[in-house]
Amino acid sequence: MELGEYNTLEVLREAEHGYYLGDEEGNDVLIPMKWVPDNIEIGGEIEVFVYKDSYDRPIATTMKPFGTVGDFVKLKVKQVSNTGAFADWGLEKDLLIPYKEQPKIRLEEGQEVLVFIFLDEVTDRIAATTRLHLVLDNDELDIEEGEKVEIKIWKKTDLGYSVVINDEYLGLLYHQDVFEEIEIGETRNAFVKRIKTGKAEKQIDVSLRKFVGEMVEPDAQLILDTLKKTGSFIPFNDKSSPEDIKKHFKMSKKAFKRAVGNLYKKRLIKIMKNGISLAD
């Protein structure tokens, strides 16, 4: 029976306050009546999440937490006490983020944060940490440059955003590669832009868009789609400001010019003084 995880257990017996469930090793745990499904049967099996209640006793529930032990999840801080911050993770009892598991800047009520859920080996309690760099390891990588990956936005830095890649590695998304609003804790698809080997460990840079040669076609298609939606003309060209291009197309001016050049070579567009139009 694993704390902080889903367990499939046998229904052993009914009690005054619920039912006792057990595993093959003889351990049992109570599921309170408020979470007991209508179709429960003695001798049958039920999948439950096992954690500890406010009295530090193991308890089972059919409620679904936002994450289990070993997960990186976005949580919202509900309250702060002298022991740390308590975050809503979808259960009646909030999840503790101890002060020792927070960075120098303490969490505040209402703040949304990306955390890693773990089982404290000393206290045998489920907790969370925001010190994600301590549980991620870039020494041995199973990803390559150009590969599509899943990222979770961890925190904002001077260079960009620190991200968790495939729930395994630590990466960096530069400000210059961000052309749209992103939020702390959200999950995005991204691409490995480059892998750099430093003195300490490998650094992984990611981008929300495909890069170099691969970037041309998706960007070119976006411009074509925009032309078709607006009646075959858009008032943008190589004289347009980087800010206007970023606002309307969510790409850099360099990427825009590359895409336009690609479309022009294929004779799909005409370049005019005041903009771009579809070719006849």
C-alpha atoms as a PDB file:
ATOM      1  CA  MET A   1       0.000   0.000   0.000  1.00  0.00           C
ATOM      2  CA  GLU A   2       1.723   3.148  -1.226  1.00  0.00           C
ATOM      3  CA  LEU A   3       1.155   6.566   0.348  1.00  0.00           C
ATOM      4  CA  GLY A   4       0.558   9.343  -2.131  1.00  0.00           C
ATOM      5  CA  GLU A   5      -0.430   6.987  -4.943  1.00  0.00           C
ATOM      6  CA  TYR A   6      -3.446   5.140  -6.315  1.00  0.00           C
ATOM      7  CA  ASN A   7      -3.895   1.618  -4.908  1.00  0.00           C
ATOM      8  CA  THR A   8      -6.266  -1.157  -5.958  1.00  0.00           C
ATOM      9  CA  LEU A   9      -7.380  -2.734  -2.682  1.00  0.00           C
ATOM     10  CA  GLU A  10      -9.742  -5.440  -1.532  1.00  0.00           C
ATOM     11  CA  VAL A  11     -12.859  -4.492   0.441  1.00  0.00           C
ATOM     12  CA  LEU A  12     -12.400  -6.345   3.757  1.00  0.00           C
ATOM     13  CA  ARG A  13     -15.229  -5.355   6.065  1.00  0.00           C
ATOM     14  CA  GLU A  14     -17.745  -2.670   6.947  1.00  0.00           C
ATOM     15  CA  ALA A  15     -17.188  -0.492  10.015  1.00  0.00           C
ATOM     16  CA  GLU A  16     -19.130   2.222  11.809  1.00  0.00           C
ATOM     17  CA  HIS A  17     -17.452   5.043   9.912  1.00  0.00           C
ATOM     18  CA  GLY A  18     -16.767   3.372   6.566  1.00  0.00           C
ATOM     19  CA  TYR A  19     -15.107   0.295   5.081  1.00  0.00           C
ATOM     20  CA  TYR A  20     -11.687  -1.195   5.665  1.00  0.00           C
ATOM     21  CA  LEU A  21      -9.624  -1.960   2.581  1.00  0.00           C
ATOM     22  CA  GLY A  22      -6.574  -4.199   2.477  1.00  0.00           C
ATOM     23  CA  ASP A  23      -3.628  -5.234   0.320  1.00  0.00           C
ATOM     24  CA  GLU A  24      -1.920  -8.599  -0.205  1.00  0.00           C
ATOM     25  CA  GLU A  25       0.588  -7.903   2.576  1.00  0.00           C
ATOM     26  CA  GLY A  26      -2.044  -7.590   5.284  1.00  0.00           C
ATOM     27  CA  ASN A  27      -2.119  -3.788   5.545  1.00  0.00           C
ATOM     28  CA  ASP A  28      -5.507  -2.131   5.879  1.00  0.00           C
ATOM     29  CA  VAL A  29      -6.859   1.397   5.632  1.00  0.00           C
ATOM     30  CA  LEU A  30     -10.246   3.020   6.238  1.00  0.00           C
ATOM     31  CA  ILE A  31     -12.267   4.678   3.498  1.00  0.00           C
ATOM     32  CA  PRO A  32     -14.837   6.971   5.222  1.00  0.00           C
ATOM     33  CA  MET A  33     -18.523   6.576   4.348  1.00  0.00           C
ATOM     34  CA  LYS A  34     -18.638   9.901   2.481  1.00  0.00           C
ATOM     35  CA  TRP A  35     -16.318   8.451  -0.162  1.00  0.00           C
ATOM     36  CA  VAL A  36     -17.745   4.935  -0.337  1.00  0.00           C
ATOM     37  CA  PRO A  37     -19.293   4.215  -3.787  1.00  0.00           C
ATOM     38  CA  ASP A  38     -22.823   2.792  -3.952  1.00  0.00           C
ATOM     39  CA  ASN A  39     -21.714  -0.431  -5.643  1.00  0.00           C
ATOM     40  CA  ILE A  40     -19.117  -1.422  -3.039  1.00  0.00           C
ATOM     41  CA  GLU A  41     -19.071  -5.150  -2.123  1.00  0.00           C
ATOM     42  CA  ILE A  42     -17.210  -7.131   0.521  1.00  0.00           C
ATOM     43  CA  GLY A  43     -14.522  -9.143  -1.286  1.00  0.00           C
ATOM     44  CA  GLY A  44     -14.538  -6.837  -4.278  1.00  0.00           C
ATOM     45  CA  GLU A  45     -11.797  -4.432  -5.320  1.00  0.00           C
ATOM     46  CA  ILE A  46     -11.717  -0.665  -5.428  1.00  0.00           C
ATOM     47  CA  GLU A  47      -9.158   1.871  -6.617  1.00  0.00           C
ATOM     48  CA  VAL A  48      -8.436   4.570  -4.052  1.00  0.00           C
ATOM     49  CA  PHE A  49      -5.874   7.249  -3.320  1.00  0.00           C
ATOM     50  CA  VAL A  50      -4.103   6.762   0.021  1.00  0.00           C
ATOM     51  CA  TYR A  51      -2.702   9.673   2.043  1.00  0.00           C
ATOM     52  CA  LYS A  52      -2.650  10.887   5.667  1.00  0.00           C
ATOM     53  CA  ASP A  53      -5.457  12.831   7.327  1.00  0.00           C
ATOM     54  CA  SER A  54      -5.150  15.747   9.760  1.00  0.00           C
ATOM     55  CA  TYR A  55      -4.447  13.278  12.591  1.00  0.00           C
ATOM     56  CA  ASP A  56      -1.538  11.773  10.627  1.00  0.00           C
ATOM     57  CA  ARG A  57      -3.431   8.526   9.998  1.00  0.00           C
ATOM     58  CA  PRO A  58      -3.452   6.749   6.614  1.00  0.00           C
ATOM     59  CA  ILE A  59      -6.820   7.173   4.914  1.00  0.00           C
ATOM     60  CA  ALA A  60      -8.307   6.200   1.561  1.00  0.00           C
ATOM     61  CA  THR A  61     -10.430   8.336  -0.734  1.00  0.00           C
ATOM     62  CA  THR A  62     -12.038   8.139  -4.160  1.00  0.00           C
ATOM     63  CA  MET A  63     -11.298  11.850  -4.667  1.00  0.00           C
ATOM     64  CA  LYS A  64      -8.754  12.581  -7.365  1.00  0.00           C
ATOM     65  CA  PRO A  65      -5.798  14.796  -6.351  1.00  0.00           C
ATOM     66  CA  PHE A  66      -4.206  17.067  -8.932  1.00  0.00           C
ATOM     67  CA  GLY A  67      -1.018  15.030  -8.652  1.00  0.00           C
ATOM     68  CA  THR A  68       0.533  12.036  -6.918  1.00  0.00           C
ATOM     69  CA  VAL A  69       3.979  11.388  -5.434  1.00  0.00           C
ATOM     70  CA  GLY A  70       6.573  11.900  -8.172  1.00  0.00           C
ATOM     71  CA  ASP A  71       4.479  14.376 -10.193  1.00  0.00           C
ATOM     72  CA  PHE A  72       5.246  17.971 -11.195  1.00  0.00           C
ATOM     73  CA  VAL A  73       1.980  19.915 -10.867  1.00  0.00           C
ATOM     74  CA  LYS A  74       0.699  23.464 -10.777  1.00  0.00           C
ATOM     75  CA  LEU A  75      -0.955  24.281  -7.445  1.00  0.00           C
ATOM     76  CA  LYS A  76      -2.458  27.364  -5.821  1.00  0.00           C
ATOM     77  CA  VAL A  77      -1.470  28.427  -2.315  1.00  0.00           C
ATOM     78  CA  LYS A  78      -4.525  28.639  -0.044  1.00  0.00           C
ATOM     79  CA  GLN A  79      -2.878  29.794   3.172  1.00  0.00           C
ATOM     80  CA  VAL A  80       0.473  30.392   4.832  1.00  0.00           C
ATOM     81  CA  SER A  81       1.372  29.374   8.380  1.00  0.00           C
ATOM     82  CA  ASN A  82       4.448  29.189  10.601  1.00  0.00           C
ATOM     83  CA  THR A  83       5.335  25.787   9.084  1.00  0.00           C
ATOM     84  CA  GLY A  84       5.037  26.704   5.429  1.00  0.00           C
ATOM     85  CA  ALA A  85       2.495  27.200   2.655  1.00  0.00           C
ATOM     86  CA  PHE A  86      -0.564  25.006   2.169  1.00  0.00           C
ATOM     87  CA  ALA A  87      -1.693  24.423  -1.413  1.00  0.00           C
ATOM     88  CA  ASP A  88      -4.956  23.074  -2.796  1.00  0.00           C
ATOM     89  CA  TRP A  89      -4.278  19.737  -4.487  1.00  0.00           C
ATOM     90  CA  GLY A  90      -7.860  18.555  -4.885  1.00  0.00           C
ATOM     91  CA  LEU A  91      -8.311  16.813  -1.515  1.00  0.00           C
ATOM     92  CA  GLU A  92      -9.906  17.865   1.767  1.00  0.00           C
ATOM     93  CA  LYS A  93      -6.494  18.214   3.399  1.00  0.00           C
ATOM     94  CA  ASP A  94      -4.212  20.743   1.697  1.00  0.00           C
ATOM     95  CA  LEU A  95      -0.644  19.869   0.697  1.00  0.00           C
ATOM     96  CA  LEU A  96       2.190  21.370   2.735  1.00  0.00           C
ATOM     97  CA  ILE A  97       5.115  23.124   1.064  1.00  0.00           C
ATOM     98  CA  PRO A  98       7.537  23.494   4.019  1.00  0.00           C
ATOM     99  CA  TYR A  99       9.618  26.650   4.297  1.00  0.00           C
ATOM    100  CA  LYS A 100      12.786  24.607   3.776  1.00  0.00           C
ATOM    101  CA  GLU A 101      11.353  23.496   0.406  1.00  0.00           C
ATOM    102  CA  GLN A 102      10.796  27.073  -0.773  1.00  0.00           C
ATOM    103  CA  PRO A 103      13.299  29.460  -2.390  1.00  0.00           C
ATOM    104  CA  LYS A 104      14.527  32.611  -0.663  1.00  0.00           C
ATOM    105  CA  ILE A 105      11.321  34.426  -1.649  1.00  0.00           C
ATOM    106  CA  ARG A 106       8.500  32.863   0.387  1.00  0.00           C
ATOM    107  CA  LEU A 107       5.239  31.821  -1.222  1.00  0.00           C
ATOM    108  CA  GLU A 108       2.151  33.955  -0.678  1.00  0.00           C
ATOM    109  CA  GLU A 109      -1.564  33.217  -0.421  1.00  0.00           C
ATOM    110  CA  GLY A 110      -3.207  33.032  -3.856  1.00  0.00           C
ATOM    111  CA  GLN A 111       0.089  32.424  -5.673  1.00  0.00           C
ATOM    112  CA  GLU A 112       0.228  29.695  -8.318  1.00  0.00           C
ATOM    113  CA  VAL A 113       3.386  27.636  -8.352  1.00  0.00           C
ATOM    114  CA  LEU A 114       4.881  24.563 -10.005  1.00  0.00           C
ATOM    115  CA  VAL A 115       5.847  21.959  -7.393  1.00  0.00           C
ATOM    116  CA  PHE A 116       7.197  18.439  -7.154  1.00  0.00           C
ATOM    117  CA  ILE A 117       5.237  16.102  -4.853  1.00  0.00           C
ATOM    118  CA  PHE A 118       7.333  13.742  -2.723  1.00  0.00           C
ATOM    119  CA  LEU A 119       7.143  11.439   0.293  1.00  0.00           C
ATOM    120  CA  ASP A 120       9.307  12.743   3.126  1.00  0.00           C
ATOM    121  CA  GLU A 121      11.401   9.758   4.256  1.00  0.00           C
ATOM    122  CA  VAL A 122      11.925  11.275   7.715  1.00  0.00           C
ATOM    123  CA  THR A 123       8.315  12.130   8.617  1.00  0.00           C
ATOM    124  CA  ASP A 124       6.613   9.641   6.234  1.00  0.00           C
ATOM    125  CA  ARG A 125       4.339  12.477   5.130  1.00  0.00           C
ATOM    126  CA  ILE A 126       3.446  13.697   1.651  1.00  0.00           C
ATOM    127  CA  ALA A 127       4.802  17.179   0.915  1.00  0.00           C
ATOM    128  CA  ALA A 128       5.817  19.370  -2.010  1.00  0.00           C
ATOM    129  CA  THR A 129       8.875  21.380  -2.986  1.00  0.00           C
ATOM    130  CA  THR A 130       9.505  24.311  -5.307  1.00  0.00           C
ATOM    131  CA  ARG A 131      13.240  23.542  -5.443  1.00  0.00           C
ATOM    132  CA  LEU A 132      12.811  21.584  -8.643  1.00  0.00           C
ATOM    133  CA  HIS A 133      16.471  21.777  -9.662  1.00  0.00           C
ATOM    134  CA  LEU A 134      17.254  19.351  -6.827  1.00  0.00           C
ATOM    135  CA  VAL A 135      15.064  16.577  -8.295  1.00  0.00           C
ATOM    136  CA  LEU A 136      16.009  17.029 -11.966  1.00  0.00           C
ATOM    137  CA  ASP A 137      19.156  15.576 -13.516  1.00  0.00           C
ATOM    138  CA  ASN A 138      20.690  16.649 -16.843  1.00  0.00           C
ATOM    139  CA  ASP A 139      23.689  14.316 -16.642  1.00  0.00           C
ATOM    140  CA  GLU A 140      22.296  11.574 -18.883  1.00  0.00           C
ATOM    141  CA  LEU A 141      19.930  12.841 -21.570  1.00  0.00           C
ATOM    142  CA  ASP A 142      17.543  10.789 -23.654  1.00  0.00           C
ATOM    143  CA  ILE A 143      16.537  13.663 -25.947  1.00  0.00           C
ATOM    144  CA  GLU A 144      18.134  15.249 -29.023  1.00  0.00           C
ATOM    145  CA  GLU A 145      18.243  18.661 -30.651  1.00  0.00           C
ATOM    146  CA  GLY A 146      15.146  19.252 -32.757  1.00  0.00           C
ATOM    147  CA  GLU A 147      13.041  16.773 -30.771  1.00  0.00           C
ATOM    148  CA  LYS A 148       9.502  17.693 -29.766  1.00  0.00           C
ATOM    149  CA  VAL A 149       9.086  17.691 -25.974  1.00  0.00           C
ATOM    150  CA  GLU A 150       6.611  18.654 -23.275  1.00  0.00           C
ATOM    151  CA  ILE A 151       7.581  21.464 -20.929  1.00  0.00           C
ATOM    152  CA  LYS A 152       6.151  22.857 -17.701  1.00  0.00           C
ATOM    153  CA  ILE A 153       6.930  26.494 -16.915  1.00  0.00           C
ATOM    154  CA  TRP A 154       8.740  26.616 -13.549  1.00  0.00           C
ATOM    155  CA  LYS A 155       9.835  30.206 -12.905  1.00  0.00           C
ATOM    156  CA  LYS A 156      10.822  33.454 -14.611  1.00  0.00           C
ATOM    157  CA  THR A 157      14.500  34.430 -14.712  1.00  0.00           C
ATOM    158  CA  ASP A 158      16.560  37.278 -16.170  1.00  0.00           C
ATOM    159  CA  LEU A 159      17.247  35.206 -19.299  1.00  0.00           C
ATOM    160  CA  GLY A 160      13.783  33.720 -19.761  1.00  0.00           C
ATOM    161  CA  TYR A 161      11.876  30.904 -18.089  1.00  0.00           C
ATOM    162  CA  SER A 162      13.251  27.840 -16.348  1.00  0.00           C
ATOM    163  CA  VAL A 163      11.218  24.823 -17.478  1.00  0.00           C
ATOM    164  CA  VAL A 164      10.807  21.154 -16.673  1.00  0.00           C
ATOM    165  CA  ILE A 165      11.284  19.013 -19.798  1.00  0.00           C
ATOM    166  CA  ASN A 166       9.366  15.712 -20.051  1.00  0.00           C
ATOM    167  CA  ASP A 167       9.225  15.637 -16.220  1.00  0.00           C
ATOM    168  CA  GLU A 168      12.912  14.644 -16.287  1.00  0.00           C
ATOM    169  CA  TYR A 169      15.215  17.494 -17.214  1.00  0.00           C
ATOM    170  CA  LEU A 170      15.762  21.167 -16.462  1.00  0.00           C
ATOM    171  CA  GLY A 171      15.717  23.550 -19.424  1.00  0.00           C
ATOM    172  CA  LEU A 172      15.625  27.200 -20.388  1.00  0.00           C
ATOM    173  CA  LEU A 173      13.172  29.048 -22.625  1.00  0.00           C
ATOM    174  CA  TYR A 174      14.712  32.397 -23.599  1.00  0.00           C
ATOM    175  CA  HIS A 175      12.651  35.600 -23.579  1.00  0.00           C
ATOM    176  CA  GLN A 176      13.595  36.131 -27.239  1.00  0.00           C
ATOM    177  CA  ASP A 177      11.799  32.888 -28.143  1.00  0.00           C
ATOM    178  CA  VAL A 178       8.534  33.856 -26.428  1.00  0.00           C
ATOM    179  CA  PHE A 179       5.974  35.631 -28.605  1.00  0.00           C
ATOM    180  CA  GLU A 180       2.825  35.029 -26.560  1.00  0.00           C
ATOM    181  CA  GLU A 181       1.562  35.058 -22.985  1.00  0.00           C
ATOM    182  CA  ILE A 182       2.690  32.135 -20.845  1.00  0.00           C
ATOM    183  CA  GLU A 183       1.891  31.362 -17.234  1.00  0.00           C
ATOM    184  CA  ILE A 184       3.858  29.793 -14.423  1.00  0.00           C
ATOM    185  CA  GLY A 185       2.941  26.120 -14.099  1.00  0.00           C
ATOM    186  CA  GLU A 186       1.310  25.696 -17.494  1.00  0.00           C
ATOM    187  CA  THR A 187       2.189  22.821 -19.804  1.00  0.00           C
ATOM    188  CA  ARG A 188       3.308  23.486 -23.389  1.00  0.00           C
ATOM    189  CA  ASN A 189       4.695  21.611 -26.375  1.00  0.00           C
ATOM    190  CA  ALA A 190       8.183  22.769 -27.307  1.00  0.00           C
ATOM    191  CA  PHE A 191      11.286  21.804 -29.281  1.00  0.00           C
ATOM    192  CA  VAL A 192      14.847  21.219 -28.131  1.00  0.00           C
ATOM    193  CA  LYS A 193      16.744  24.139 -29.641  1.00  0.00           C
ATOM    194  CA  ARG A 194      20.248  23.226 -28.496  1.00  0.00           C
ATOM    195  CA  ILE A 195      22.074  21.136 -25.909  1.00  0.00           C
ATOM    196  CA  LYS A 196      25.202  22.753 -24.455  1.00  0.00           C
ATOM    197  CA  THR A 197      27.759  20.925 -22.338  1.00  0.00           C
ATOM    198  CA  GLY A 198      29.015  23.107 -19.508  1.00  0.00           C
ATOM    199  CA  LYS A 199      31.467  22.636 -16.677  1.00  0.00           C
ATOM    200  CA  ALA A 200      28.773  21.360 -14.315  1.00  0.00           C
ATOM    201  CA  GLU A 201      25.984  19.746 -16.351  1.00  0.00           C
ATOM    202  CA  LYS A 202      24.342  19.924 -19.754  1.00  0.00           C
ATOM    203  CA  GLN A 203      22.141  22.939 -20.468  1.00  0.00           C
ATOM    204  CA  ILE A 204      19.056  22.412 -22.602  1.00  0.00           C
ATOM    205  CA  ASP A 205      17.565  25.361 -24.485  1.00  0.00           C
ATOM    206  CA  VAL A 206      14.033  24.997 -25.809  1.00  0.00           C
ATOM    207  CA  SER A 207      11.775  26.955 -28.124  1.00  0.00           C
ATOM    208  CA  LEU A 208       8.007  27.043 -28.491  1.00  0.00           C
ATOM    209  CA  ARG A 209       8.477  26.979 -32.250  1.00  0.00           C
ATOM    210  CA  LYS A 210      10.436  24.797 -34.632  1.00  0.00           C
ATOM    211  CA  PHE A 211      13.715  26.436 -35.491  1.00  0.00           C
ATOM    212  CA  VAL A 212      16.136  27.254 -38.312  1.00  0.00           C
ATOM    213  CA  GLY A 213      15.077  25.576 -41.577  1.00  0.00           C
ATOM    214  CA  GLU A 214      12.206  23.768 -39.945  1.00  0.00           C
ATOM    215  CA  MET A 215      10.720  27.070 -38.858  1.00  0.00           C
ATOM    216  CA  VAL A 216      10.057  28.309 -42.359  1.00  0.00           C
ATOM    217  CA  GLU A 217       7.152  26.098 -43.384  1.00  0.00           C
ATOM    218  CA  PRO A 218       4.913  26.504 -40.286  1.00  0.00           C
ATOM    219  CA  ASP A 219       5.477  30.278 -40.315  1.00  0.00           C
ATOM    220  CA  ALA A 220       4.850  30.462 -44.035  1.00  0.00           C
ATOM    221  CA  GLN A 221       1.602  28.537 -43.625  1.00  0.00           C
ATOM    222  CA  LEU A 222       0.516  30.942 -40.882  1.00  0.00           C
ATOM    223  CA  ILE A 223       1.059  33.902 -43.211  1.00  0.00           C
ATOM    224  CA  LEU A 224      -0.853  32.149 -46.000  1.00  0.00           C
ATOM    225  CA  ASP A 225      -3.745  31.371 -43.664  1.00  0.00           C
ATOM    226  CA  THR A 226      -3.825  35.005 -42.540  1.00  0.00           C
ATOM    227  CA  LEU A 227      -3.901  36.211 -46.131  1.00  0.00           C
ATOM    228  CA  LYS A 228      -6.847  33.941 -46.915  1.00  0.00           C
ATOM    229  CA  LYS A 229      -8.792  35.099 -43.868  1.00  0.00           C
ATOM    230  CA  THR A 230      -8.262  38.793 -44.579  1.00  0.00           C
ATOM    231  CA  GLY A 231      -9.234  38.750 -48.251  1.00  0.00           C
ATOM    232  CA  SER A 232      -5.808  38.093 -49.836  1.00  0.00           C
ATOM    233  CA  PHE A 233      -3.964  41.181 -48.485  1.00  0.00           C
ATOM    234  CA  ILE A 234      -2.131  42.083 -45.257  1.00  0.00           C
ATOM    235  CA  PRO A 235      -0.431  45.448 -44.553  1.00  0.00           C
ATOM    236  CA  PHE A 236       2.855  43.899 -43.393  1.00  0.00           C
ATOM    237  CA  ASN A 237       6.252  43.649 -45.099  1.00  0.00           C
ATOM    238  CA  ASP A 238       9.960  43.954 -44.297  1.00  0.00           C
ATOM    239  CA  LYS A 239       9.383  47.602 -43.317  1.00  0.00           C
ATOM    240  CA  SER A 240       6.960  46.634 -40.519  1.00  0.00           C
ATOM    241  CA  SER A 241       8.208  46.992 -36.955  1.00  0.00           C
ATOM    242  CA  PRO A 242       9.285  43.892 -34.986  1.00  0.00           C
ATOM    243  CA  GLU A 243       6.664  44.793 -32.369  1.00  0.00           C
ATOM    244  CA  ASP A 244       3.784  44.765 -34.888  1.00  0.00           C
ATOM    245  CA  ILE A 245       4.933  41.461 -36.381  1.00  0.00           C
ATOM    246  CA  LYS A 246       5.260  39.866 -32.951  1.00  0.00           C
ATOM    247  CA  LYS A 247       1.804  41.113 -31.952  1.00  0.00           C
ATOM    248  CA  HIS A 248      -0.022  39.853 -35.055  1.00  0.00           C
ATOM    249  CA  PHE A 249       1.954  36.734 -35.997  1.00  0.00           C
ATOM    250  CA  LYS A 250       3.693  35.702 -32.744  1.00  0.00           C
ATOM    251  CA  MET A 251       7.058  35.371 -34.465  1.00  0.00           C
ATOM    252  CA  SER A 252      10.232  37.431 -34.761  1.00  0.00           C
ATOM    253  CA  LYS A 253      10.789  39.796 -37.655  1.00  0.00           C
ATOM    254  CA  LYS A 254      13.643  37.563 -38.821  1.00  0.00           C
ATOM    255  CA  ALA A 255      11.319  34.552 -38.949  1.00  0.00           C
ATOM    256  CA  PHE A 256       8.665  36.654 -40.740  1.00  0.00           C
ATOM    257  CA  LYS A 257      11.109  37.772 -43.449  1.00  0.00           C
ATOM    258  CA  ARG A 258      12.345  34.208 -43.921  1.00  0.00           C
ATOM    259  CA  ALA A 259       8.797  32.922 -44.316  1.00  0.00           C
ATOM    260  CA  VAL A 260       7.860  35.705 -46.736  1.00  0.00           C
ATOM    261  CA  GLY A 261      10.961  34.968 -48.808  1.00  0.00           C
ATOM    262  CA  ASN A 262      10.019  31.294 -48.913  1.00  0.00           C
ATOM    263  CA  LEU A 263       6.490  32.090 -50.117  1.00  0.00           C
ATOM    264  CA  TYR A 264       7.802  34.554 -52.705  1.00  0.00           C
ATOM    265  CA  LYS A 265      10.219  31.984 -54.157  1.00  0.00           C
ATOM    266  CA  LYS A 266       7.314  29.578 -54.542  1.00  0.00           C
ATOM    267  CA  ARG A 267       5.308  32.351 -56.276  1.00  0.00           C
ATOM    268  CA  LEU A 268       2.500  32.101 -53.737  1.00  0.00           C
ATOM    269  CA  ILE A 269       2.529  35.803 -52.839  1.00  0.00           C
ATOM    270  CA  LYS A 270       3.246  39.215 -54.299  1.00  0.00           C
ATOM    271  CA  ILE A 271       5.302  41.748 -52.350  1.00  0.00           C
ATOM    272  CA  MET A 272       3.911  45.253 -52.620  1.00  0.00           C
ATOM    273  CA  LYS A 273       4.956  48.640 -51.248  1.00  0.00           C
ATOM    274  CA  ASN A 274       2.266  48.665 -48.594  1.00  0.00           C
ATOM    275  CA  GLY A 275       2.053  44.959 -47.790  1.00  0.00           C
ATOM    276  CA  ILE A 276       1.700  41.425 -49.149  1.00  0.00           C
ATOM    277  CA  SER A 277      -1.004  39.867 -51.252  1.00  0.00           C
ATOM    278  CA  LEU A 278      -1.765  36.401 -52.569  1.00  0.00           C
ATOM    279  CA  ALA A 279      -0.512  35.674 -56.059  1.00  0.00           C
ATOM    280  CA  ASP A 280      -3.125  35.297 -58.785  1.00  0.00           C
END
